[in-house]
């Protein structure tokens, strides 16, 4: 098992917070900014089609396949998103 952590600044342009990997992995995401962020599988994610993640909400947990990416965008300002990736 390999554990990695990172923080990303998410603004009004989509940013890749998880790249493809060679194996399946478990991911924990927490938004610690001042506003919500929206998550999606491609850079086409928007505040209209993305998965809404409230600021300071409980940690969001998801399992991603090897070829999956995860992108994030915010409707206003710059938000901080923390990511913990556990390679299974």
PDB file of N, CA and C in Angstrom:
ATOM      1  N   UNK A   1       0.846  -1.175   0.000  1.00  0.00           N
ATOM      2  CA  UNK A   1       0.000   0.000   0.000  1.00  0.00           C
ATOM      3  C   UNK A   1       0.892   1.239   0.000  1.00  0.00           C
ATOM      4  N   UNK A   2       0.544   2.217  -0.833  1.00  0.00           N
ATOM      5  CA  UNK A   2       1.289   3.470  -0.917  1.00  0.00           C
ATOM      6  C   UNK A   2       0.325   4.612  -0.613  1.00  0.00           C
ATOM      7  N   UNK A   3       0.742   5.510   0.258  1.00  0.00           N
ATOM      8  CA  UNK A   3      -0.080   6.641   0.676  1.00  0.00           C
ATOM      9  C   UNK A   3       0.576   7.941   0.219  1.00  0.00           C
ATOM     10  N   UNK A   4      -0.211   8.802  -0.466  1.00  0.00           N
ATOM     11  CA  UNK A   4       0.286  10.114  -0.863  1.00  0.00           C
ATOM     12  C   UNK A   4      -0.753  11.160  -0.484  1.00  0.00           C
ATOM     13  N   UNK A   5      -0.273  12.362  -0.199  1.00  0.00           N
ATOM     14  CA  UNK A   5      -1.172  13.464   0.125  1.00  0.00           C
ATOM     15  C   UNK A   5      -0.758  14.693  -0.683  1.00  0.00           C
ATOM     16  N   UNK A   6      -1.739  15.560  -0.928  1.00  0.00           N
ATOM     17  CA  UNK A   6      -1.460  16.791  -1.665  1.00  0.00           C
ATOM     18  C   UNK A   6      -2.552  17.803  -1.373  1.00  0.00           C
ATOM     19  N   UNK A   7      -2.221  19.076  -1.602  1.00  0.00           N
ATOM     20  CA  UNK A   7      -3.199  20.151  -1.520  1.00  0.00           C
ATOM     21  C   UNK A   7      -3.216  20.871  -2.858  1.00  0.00           C
ATOM     22  N   UNK A   8      -4.417  21.262  -3.276  1.00  0.00           N
ATOM     23  CA  UNK A   8      -4.592  21.942  -4.550  1.00  0.00           C
ATOM     24  C   UNK A   8      -5.383  23.226  -4.344  1.00  0.00           C
ATOM     25  N   UNK A   9      -5.044  24.228  -5.115  1.00  0.00           N
ATOM     26  CA  UNK A   9      -5.837  25.452  -5.159  1.00  0.00           C
ATOM     27  C   UNK A   9      -6.796  25.312  -6.328  1.00  0.00           C
ATOM     28  N   UNK A  10      -8.083  25.368  -6.017  1.00  0.00           N
ATOM     29  CA  UNK A  10      -9.119  25.190  -7.023  1.00  0.00           C
ATOM     30  C   UNK A  10      -9.827  26.531  -7.219  1.00  0.00           C
ATOM     31  N   UNK A  11      -9.859  26.985  -8.460  1.00  0.00           N
ATOM     32  CA  UNK A  11     -10.499  28.267  -8.774  1.00  0.00           C
ATOM     33  C   UNK A  11     -11.570  28.047  -9.843  1.00  0.00           C
ATOM     34  N   UNK A  12     -11.826  29.052 -10.647  1.00  0.00           N
ATOM     35  CA  UNK A  12     -12.919  28.994 -11.609  1.00  0.00           C
ATOM     36  C   UNK A  12     -12.536  28.329 -12.934  1.00  0.00           C
ATOM     37  N   UNK A  13     -11.322  27.823 -13.028  1.00  0.00           N
ATOM     38  CA  UNK A  13     -10.883  27.002 -14.157  1.00  0.00           C
ATOM     39  C   UNK A  13     -10.596  25.613 -13.618  1.00  0.00           C
ATOM     40  N   UNK A  14     -11.088  24.584 -14.295  1.00  0.00           N
ATOM     41  CA  UNK A  14     -10.920  23.208 -13.813  1.00  0.00           C
ATOM     42  C   UNK A  14      -9.443  22.863 -13.630  1.00  0.00           C
ATOM     43  N   UNK A  15      -9.149  22.158 -12.536  1.00  0.00           N
ATOM     44  CA  UNK A  15      -7.791  21.719 -12.237  1.00  0.00           C
ATOM     45  C   UNK A  15      -7.823  20.221 -11.944  1.00  0.00           C
ATOM     46  N   UNK A  16      -6.824  19.500 -12.474  1.00  0.00           N
ATOM     47  CA  UNK A  16      -6.739  18.060 -12.240  1.00  0.00           C
ATOM     48  C   UNK A  16      -6.202  17.823 -10.832  1.00  0.00           C
ATOM     49  N   UNK A  17      -6.990  17.128 -10.000  1.00  0.00           N
ATOM     50  CA  UNK A  17      -6.533  16.839  -8.639  1.00  0.00           C
ATOM     51  C   UNK A  17      -6.086  15.388  -8.500  1.00  0.00           C
ATOM     52  N   UNK A  18      -6.441  14.531  -9.457  1.00  0.00           N
ATOM     53  CA  UNK A  18      -5.950  13.156  -9.480  1.00  0.00           C
ATOM     54  C   UNK A  18      -5.729  12.728 -10.918  1.00  0.00           C
ATOM     55  N   UNK A  19      -4.530  12.268 -11.204  1.00  0.00           N
ATOM     56  CA  UNK A  19      -4.193  11.783 -12.540  1.00  0.00           C
ATOM     57  C   UNK A  19      -4.437  10.273 -12.605  1.00  0.00           C
ATOM     58  N   UNK A  20      -4.379   9.735 -13.811  1.00  0.00           N
ATOM     59  CA  UNK A  20      -4.500   8.288 -13.955  1.00  0.00           C
ATOM     60  C   UNK A  20      -3.358   7.614 -13.203  1.00  0.00           C
ATOM     61  N   UNK A  21      -3.556   6.357 -12.889  1.00  0.00           N
ATOM     62  CA  UNK A  21      -2.575   5.595 -12.135  1.00  0.00           C
ATOM     63  C   UNK A  21      -2.538   4.204 -12.738  1.00  0.00           C
ATOM     64  N   UNK A  22      -1.588   3.395 -12.312  1.00  0.00           N
ATOM     65  CA  UNK A  22      -1.483   2.041 -12.844  1.00  0.00           C
ATOM     66  C   UNK A  22      -2.397   1.059 -12.131  1.00  0.00           C
ATOM     67  N   UNK A  23      -2.928   1.443 -10.978  1.00  0.00           N
ATOM     68  CA  UNK A  23      -3.755   0.538 -10.181  1.00  0.00           C
ATOM     69  C   UNK A  23      -4.955   1.277  -9.590  1.00  0.00           C
ATOM     70  N   UNK A  24      -5.909   0.510  -9.082  1.00  0.00           N
ATOM     71  CA  UNK A  24      -7.055   1.067  -8.370  1.00  0.00           C
ATOM     72  C   UNK A  24      -6.569   1.724  -7.088  1.00  0.00           C
ATOM     73  N   UNK A  25      -7.253   2.799  -6.684  1.00  0.00           N
ATOM     74  CA  UNK A  25      -6.864   3.460  -5.434  1.00  0.00           C
ATOM     75  C   UNK A  25      -8.072   4.060  -4.733  1.00  0.00           C
ATOM     76  N   UNK A  26      -7.930   4.157  -3.440  1.00  0.00           N
ATOM     77  CA  UNK A  26      -8.943   4.798  -2.609  1.00  0.00           C
ATOM     78  C   UNK A  26      -8.512   6.242  -2.420  1.00  0.00           C
ATOM     79  N   UNK A  27      -9.484   7.180  -2.507  1.00  0.00           N
ATOM     80  CA  UNK A  27      -9.167   8.590  -2.429  1.00  0.00           C
ATOM     81  C   UNK A  27     -10.063   9.261  -1.392  1.00  0.00           C
ATOM     82  N   UNK A  28      -9.460  10.091  -0.553  1.00  0.00           N
ATOM     83  CA  UNK A  28     -10.186  10.901   0.427  1.00  0.00           C
ATOM     84  C   UNK A  28      -9.980  12.359   0.056  1.00  0.00           C
ATOM     85  N   UNK A  29     -11.082  13.119  -0.037  1.00  0.00           N
ATOM     86  CA  UNK A  29     -11.022  14.514  -0.470  1.00  0.00           C
ATOM     87  C   UNK A  29     -11.728  15.383   0.559  1.00  0.00           C
ATOM     88  N   UNK A  30     -11.091  16.512   0.883  1.00  0.00           N
ATOM     89  CA  UNK A  30     -11.683  17.446   1.846  1.00  0.00           C
ATOM     90  C   UNK A  30     -11.498  18.864   1.319  1.00  0.00           C
ATOM     91  N   UNK A  31     -12.578  19.628   1.293  1.00  0.00           N
ATOM     92  CA  UNK A  31     -12.535  21.023   0.858  1.00  0.00           C
ATOM     93  C   UNK A  31     -12.415  21.907   2.093  1.00  0.00           C
ATOM     94  N   UNK A  32     -11.304  22.616   2.211  1.00  0.00           N
ATOM     95  CA  UNK A  32     -11.097  23.469   3.383  1.00  0.00           C
ATOM     96  C   UNK A  32     -11.078  24.948   3.008  1.00  0.00           C
ATOM     97  N   UNK A  33     -11.612  25.258   1.841  1.00  0.00           N
ATOM     98  CA  UNK A  33     -11.680  26.650   1.399  1.00  0.00           C
ATOM     99  C   UNK A  33     -12.897  27.357   1.971  1.00  0.00           C
ATOM    100  N   UNK A  34     -13.218  28.505   1.402  1.00  0.00           N
ATOM    101  CA  UNK A  34     -14.343  29.312   1.863  1.00  0.00           C
ATOM    102  C   UNK A  34     -15.637  29.049   1.101  1.00  0.00           C
ATOM    103  N   UNK A  35     -15.592  28.198   0.090  1.00  0.00           N
ATOM    104  CA  UNK A  35     -16.767  27.914  -0.726  1.00  0.00           C
ATOM    105  C   UNK A  35     -16.698  26.464  -1.196  1.00  0.00           C
ATOM    106  N   UNK A  36     -17.775  25.991  -1.767  1.00  0.00           N
ATOM    107  CA  UNK A  36     -17.843  24.615  -2.262  1.00  0.00           C
ATOM    108  C   UNK A  36     -16.998  24.444  -3.519  1.00  0.00           C
ATOM    109  N   UNK A  37     -16.677  23.186  -3.830  1.00  0.00           N
ATOM    110  CA  UNK A  37     -16.053  22.831  -5.096  1.00  0.00           C
ATOM    111  C   UNK A  37     -16.917  21.765  -5.763  1.00  0.00           C
ATOM    112  N   UNK A  38     -16.671  21.555  -7.042  1.00  0.00           N
ATOM    113  CA  UNK A  38     -17.426  20.591  -7.828  1.00  0.00           C
ATOM    114  C   UNK A  38     -16.437  19.642  -8.481  1.00  0.00           C
ATOM    115  N   UNK A  39     -16.721  18.343  -8.410  1.00  0.00           N
ATOM    116  CA  UNK A  39     -15.812  17.313  -8.901  1.00  0.00           C
ATOM    117  C   UNK A  39     -16.375  16.640 -10.141  1.00  0.00           C
ATOM    118  N   UNK A  40     -15.482  16.239 -11.053  1.00  0.00           N
ATOM    119  CA  UNK A  40     -15.903  15.531 -12.253  1.00  0.00           C
ATOM    120  C   UNK A  40     -14.764  14.743 -12.860  1.00  0.00           C
ATOM    121  N   UNK A  41     -15.075  13.887 -13.851  1.00  0.00           N
ATOM    122  CA  UNK A  41     -14.076  12.981 -14.423  1.00  0.00           C
ATOM    123  C   UNK A  41     -13.178  13.582 -15.497  1.00  0.00           C
ATOM    124  N   UNK A  42     -13.512  14.792 -15.965  1.00  0.00           N
ATOM    125  CA  UNK A  42     -12.719  15.415 -17.032  1.00  0.00           C
ATOM    126  C   UNK A  42     -12.597  16.920 -16.791  1.00  0.00           C
ATOM    127  N   UNK A  43     -11.812  17.559 -17.628  1.00  0.00           N
ATOM    128  CA  UNK A  43     -11.646  19.010 -17.532  1.00  0.00           C
ATOM    129  C   UNK A  43     -12.916  19.755 -17.934  1.00  0.00           C
ATOM    130  N   UNK A  44     -13.913  19.041 -18.425  1.00  0.00           N
ATOM    131  CA  UNK A  44     -15.187  19.655 -18.799  1.00  0.00           C
ATOM    132  C   UNK A  44     -16.108  19.841 -17.587  1.00  0.00           C
ATOM    133  N   UNK A  45     -15.633  19.507 -16.392  1.00  0.00           N
ATOM    134  CA  UNK A  45     -16.456  19.681 -15.194  1.00  0.00           C
ATOM    135  C   UNK A  45     -16.801  21.155 -15.015  1.00  0.00           C
ATOM    136  N   UNK A  46     -18.049  21.411 -14.608  1.00  0.00           N
ATOM    137  CA  UNK A  46     -18.499  22.772 -14.340  1.00  0.00           C
ATOM    138  C   UNK A  46     -19.269  22.782 -13.024  1.00  0.00           C
ATOM    139  N   UNK A  47     -19.645  23.962 -12.600  1.00  0.00           N
ATOM    140  CA  UNK A  47     -20.461  24.068 -11.393  1.00  0.00           C
ATOM    141  C   UNK A  47     -21.878  23.569 -11.650  1.00  0.00           C
ATOM    142  N   UNK A  48     -22.243  23.383 -12.905  1.00  0.00           N
ATOM    143  CA  UNK A  48     -23.578  22.875 -13.256  1.00  0.00           C
ATOM    144  C   UNK A  48     -23.634  21.355 -13.364  1.00  0.00           C
ATOM    145  N   UNK A  49     -22.511  20.723 -13.770  1.00  0.00           N
ATOM    146  CA  UNK A  49     -22.545  19.273 -13.969  1.00  0.00           C
ATOM    147  C   UNK A  49     -21.669  18.496 -12.988  1.00  0.00           C
ATOM    148  N   UNK A  50     -20.918  19.190 -12.137  1.00  0.00           N
ATOM    149  CA  UNK A  50     -20.022  18.514 -11.210  1.00  0.00           C
ATOM    150  C   UNK A  50     -20.708  18.055  -9.933  1.00  0.00           C
ATOM    151  N   UNK A  51     -20.037  17.151  -9.226  1.00  0.00           N
ATOM    152  CA  UNK A  51     -20.512  16.672  -7.926  1.00  0.00           C
ATOM    153  C   UNK A  51     -20.181  17.726  -6.882  1.00  0.00           C
ATOM    154  N   UNK A  52     -21.195  18.246  -6.211  1.00  0.00           N
ATOM    155  CA  UNK A  52     -21.051  19.338  -5.242  1.00  0.00           C
ATOM    156  C   UNK A  52     -20.405  18.818  -3.953  1.00  0.00           C
ATOM    157  N   UNK A  53     -19.305  19.444  -3.549  1.00  0.00           N
ATOM    158  CA  UNK A  53     -18.627  19.103  -2.298  1.00  0.00           C
ATOM    159  C   UNK A  53     -18.575  20.373  -1.454  1.00  0.00           C
ATOM    160  N   UNK A  54     -19.372  20.409  -0.385  1.00  0.00           N
ATOM    161  CA  UNK A  54     -19.445  21.596   0.471  1.00  0.00           C
ATOM    162  C   UNK A  54     -18.125  21.880   1.164  1.00  0.00           C
ATOM    163  N   UNK A  55     -17.888  23.160   1.435  1.00  0.00           N
ATOM    164  CA  UNK A  55     -16.703  23.531   2.214  1.00  0.00           C
ATOM    165  C   UNK A  55     -16.830  22.928   3.606  1.00  0.00           C
ATOM    166  N   UNK A  56     -15.726  22.459   4.117  1.00  0.00           N
ATOM    167  CA  UNK A  56     -15.630  21.902   5.462  1.00  0.00           C
ATOM    168  C   UNK A  56     -16.621  20.771   5.734  1.00  0.00           C
ATOM    169  N   UNK A  57     -17.117  20.120   4.685  1.00  0.00           N
ATOM    170  CA  UNK A  57     -17.986  18.957   4.861  1.00  0.00           C
ATOM    171  C   UNK A  57     -17.129  17.770   5.296  1.00  0.00           C
ATOM    172  N   UNK A  58     -17.776  16.700   5.662  1.00  0.00           N
ATOM    173  CA  UNK A  58     -17.046  15.476   6.003  1.00  0.00           C
ATOM    174  C   UNK A  58     -16.180  15.064   4.814  1.00  0.00           C
ATOM    175  N   UNK A  59     -15.153  14.311   5.078  1.00  0.00           N
ATOM    176  CA  UNK A  59     -14.258  13.843   4.021  1.00  0.00           C
ATOM    177  C   UNK A  59     -15.056  12.998   3.028  1.00  0.00           C
ATOM    178  N   UNK A  60     -14.884  13.295   1.741  1.00  0.00           N
ATOM    179  CA  UNK A  60     -15.526  12.536   0.674  1.00  0.00           C
ATOM    180  C   UNK A  60     -14.584  11.407   0.283  1.00  0.00           C
ATOM    181  N   UNK A  61     -15.093  10.182   0.244  1.00  0.00           N
ATOM    182  CA  UNK A  61     -14.254   9.013  -0.046  1.00  0.00           C
ATOM    183  C   UNK A  61     -14.780   8.334  -1.303  1.00  0.00           C
ATOM    184  N   UNK A  62     -13.851   7.976  -2.190  1.00  0.00           N
ATOM    185  CA  UNK A  62     -14.217   7.323  -3.449  1.00  0.00           C
ATOM    186  C   UNK A  62     -13.098   6.376  -3.856  1.00  0.00           C
ATOM    187  N   UNK A  63     -13.454   5.323  -4.594  1.00  0.00           N
ATOM    188  CA  UNK A  63     -12.450   4.417  -5.155  1.00  0.00           C
ATOM    189  C   UNK A  63     -12.395   4.656  -6.653  1.00  0.00           C
ATOM    190  N   UNK A  64     -11.191   4.892  -7.170  1.00  0.00           N
ATOM    191  CA  UNK A  64     -11.008   5.174  -8.591  1.00  0.00           C
ATOM    192  C   UNK A  64     -10.264   4.033  -9.268  1.00  0.00           C
ATOM    193  N   UNK A  65     -10.700   3.700 -10.484  1.00  0.00           N
ATOM    194  CA  UNK A  65      -9.989   2.706 -11.279  1.00  0.00           C
ATOM    195  C   UNK A  65      -8.690   3.302 -11.807  1.00  0.00           C
ATOM    196  N   UNK A  66      -7.850   2.463 -12.338  1.00  0.00           N
ATOM    197  CA  UNK A  66      -6.519   2.878 -12.787  1.00  0.00           C
ATOM    198  C   UNK A  66      -6.566   4.023 -13.802  1.00  0.00           C
ATOM    199  N   UNK A  67      -7.499   3.997 -14.727  1.00  0.00           N
ATOM    200  CA  UNK A  67      -7.525   4.990 -15.801  1.00  0.00           C
ATOM    201  C   UNK A  67      -8.374   6.217 -15.488  1.00  0.00           C
ATOM    202  N   UNK A  68      -8.890   6.310 -14.271  1.00  0.00           N
ATOM    203  CA  UNK A  68      -9.739   7.442 -13.901  1.00  0.00           C
ATOM    204  C   UNK A  68      -8.935   8.651 -13.454  1.00  0.00           C
ATOM    205  N   UNK A  69      -9.411   9.834 -13.841  1.00  0.00           N
ATOM    206  CA  UNK A  69      -8.882  11.105 -13.361  1.00  0.00           C
ATOM    207  C   UNK A  69      -9.984  11.783 -12.563  1.00  0.00           C
ATOM    208  N   UNK A  70      -9.608  12.776 -11.778  1.00  0.00           N
ATOM    209  CA  UNK A  70     -10.600  13.569 -11.062  1.00  0.00           C
ATOM    210  C   UNK A  70     -10.210  15.032 -11.170  1.00  0.00           C
ATOM    211  N   UNK A  71     -11.174  15.861 -11.558  1.00  0.00           N
ATOM    212  CA  UNK A  71     -10.979  17.287 -11.754  1.00  0.00           C
ATOM    213  C   UNK A  71     -11.871  18.051 -10.792  1.00  0.00           C
ATOM    214  N   UNK A  72     -11.500  19.284 -10.479  1.00  0.00           N
ATOM    215  CA  UNK A  72     -12.281  20.113  -9.567  1.00  0.00           C
ATOM    216  C   UNK A  72     -12.350  21.544 -10.096  1.00  0.00           C
ATOM    217  N   UNK A  73     -13.455  22.216  -9.741  1.00  0.00           N
ATOM    218  CA  UNK A  73     -13.658  23.613 -10.115  1.00  0.00           C
ATOM    219  C   UNK A  73     -14.467  24.282  -9.008  1.00  0.00           C
ATOM    220  N   UNK A  74     -14.317  25.586  -8.883  1.00  0.00           N
ATOM    221  CA  UNK A  74     -15.081  26.355  -7.894  1.00  0.00           C
ATOM    222  C   UNK A  74     -15.867  27.443  -8.619  1.00  0.00           C
ATOM    223  N   UNK A  75     -16.966  27.866  -8.001  1.00  0.00           N
ATOM    224  CA  UNK A  75     -17.764  28.922  -8.631  1.00  0.00           C
ATOM    225  C   UNK A  75     -17.200  30.306  -8.344  1.00  0.00           C
ATOM    226  N   UNK A  76     -16.468  30.451  -7.233  1.00  0.00           N
ATOM    227  CA  UNK A  76     -15.884  31.755  -6.878  1.00  0.00           C
ATOM    228  C   UNK A  76     -14.553  31.573  -6.190  1.00  0.00           C
ATOM    229  N   UNK A  77     -13.676  32.530  -6.371  1.00  0.00           N
ATOM    230  CA  UNK A  77     -12.423  32.583  -5.618  1.00  0.00           C
ATOM    231  C   UNK A  77     -11.539  31.374  -5.783  1.00  0.00           C
ATOM    232  N   UNK A  78     -10.654  31.190  -4.810  1.00  0.00           N
ATOM    233  CA  UNK A  78      -9.726  30.067  -4.771  1.00  0.00           C
ATOM    234  C   UNK A  78      -9.993  29.251  -3.518  1.00  0.00           C
ATOM    235  N   UNK A  79     -10.226  27.960  -3.704  1.00  0.00           N
ATOM    236  CA  UNK A  79     -10.503  27.056  -2.592  1.00  0.00           C
ATOM    237  C   UNK A  79      -9.351  26.074  -2.443  1.00  0.00           C
ATOM    238  N   UNK A  80      -9.096  25.661  -1.234  1.00  0.00           N
ATOM    239  CA  UNK A  80      -8.070  24.656  -0.981  1.00  0.00           C
ATOM    240  C   UNK A  80      -8.738  23.297  -0.831  1.00  0.00           C
ATOM    241  N   UNK A  81      -8.232  22.327  -1.590  1.00  0.00           N
ATOM    242  CA  UNK A  81      -8.730  20.956  -1.538  1.00  0.00           C
ATOM    243  C   UNK A  81      -7.568  20.062  -1.151  1.00  0.00           C
ATOM    244  N   UNK A  82      -7.773  19.241  -0.116  1.00  0.00           N
ATOM    245  CA  UNK A  82      -6.743  18.284   0.285  1.00  0.00           C
ATOM    246  C   UNK A  82      -7.136  16.904  -0.224  1.00  0.00           C
ATOM    247  N   UNK A  83      -6.133  16.155  -0.661  1.00  0.00           N
ATOM    248  CA  UNK A  83      -6.372  14.835  -1.254  1.00  0.00           C
ATOM    249  C   UNK A  83      -5.414  13.844  -0.621  1.00  0.00           C
ATOM    250  N   UNK A  84      -5.959  12.711  -0.164  1.00  0.00           N
ATOM    251  CA  UNK A  84      -5.150  11.589   0.291  1.00  0.00           C
ATOM    252  C   UNK A  84      -5.464  10.417  -0.623  1.00  0.00           C
ATOM    253  N   UNK A  85      -4.431   9.884  -1.259  1.00  0.00           N
ATOM    254  CA  UNK A  85      -4.587   8.776  -2.199  1.00  0.00           C
ATOM    255  C   UNK A  85      -3.917   7.540  -1.616  1.00  0.00           C
ATOM    256  N   UNK A  86      -4.659   6.462  -1.545  1.00  0.00           N
ATOM    257  CA  UNK A  86      -4.136   5.200  -1.020  1.00  0.00           C
ATOM    258  C   UNK A  86      -4.167   4.191  -2.146  1.00  0.00           C
ATOM    259  N   UNK A  87      -2.997   3.810  -2.620  1.00  0.00           N
ATOM    260  CA  UNK A  87      -2.904   2.818  -3.691  1.00  0.00           C
ATOM    261  C   UNK A  87      -3.081   1.441  -3.074  1.00  0.00           C
ATOM    262  N   UNK A  88      -4.070   0.716  -3.592  1.00  0.00           N
ATOM    263  CA  UNK A  88      -4.406  -0.591  -3.040  1.00  0.00           C
ATOM    264  C   UNK A  88      -3.576  -1.700  -3.635  1.00  0.00           C
TER     265      UNK A  88
END
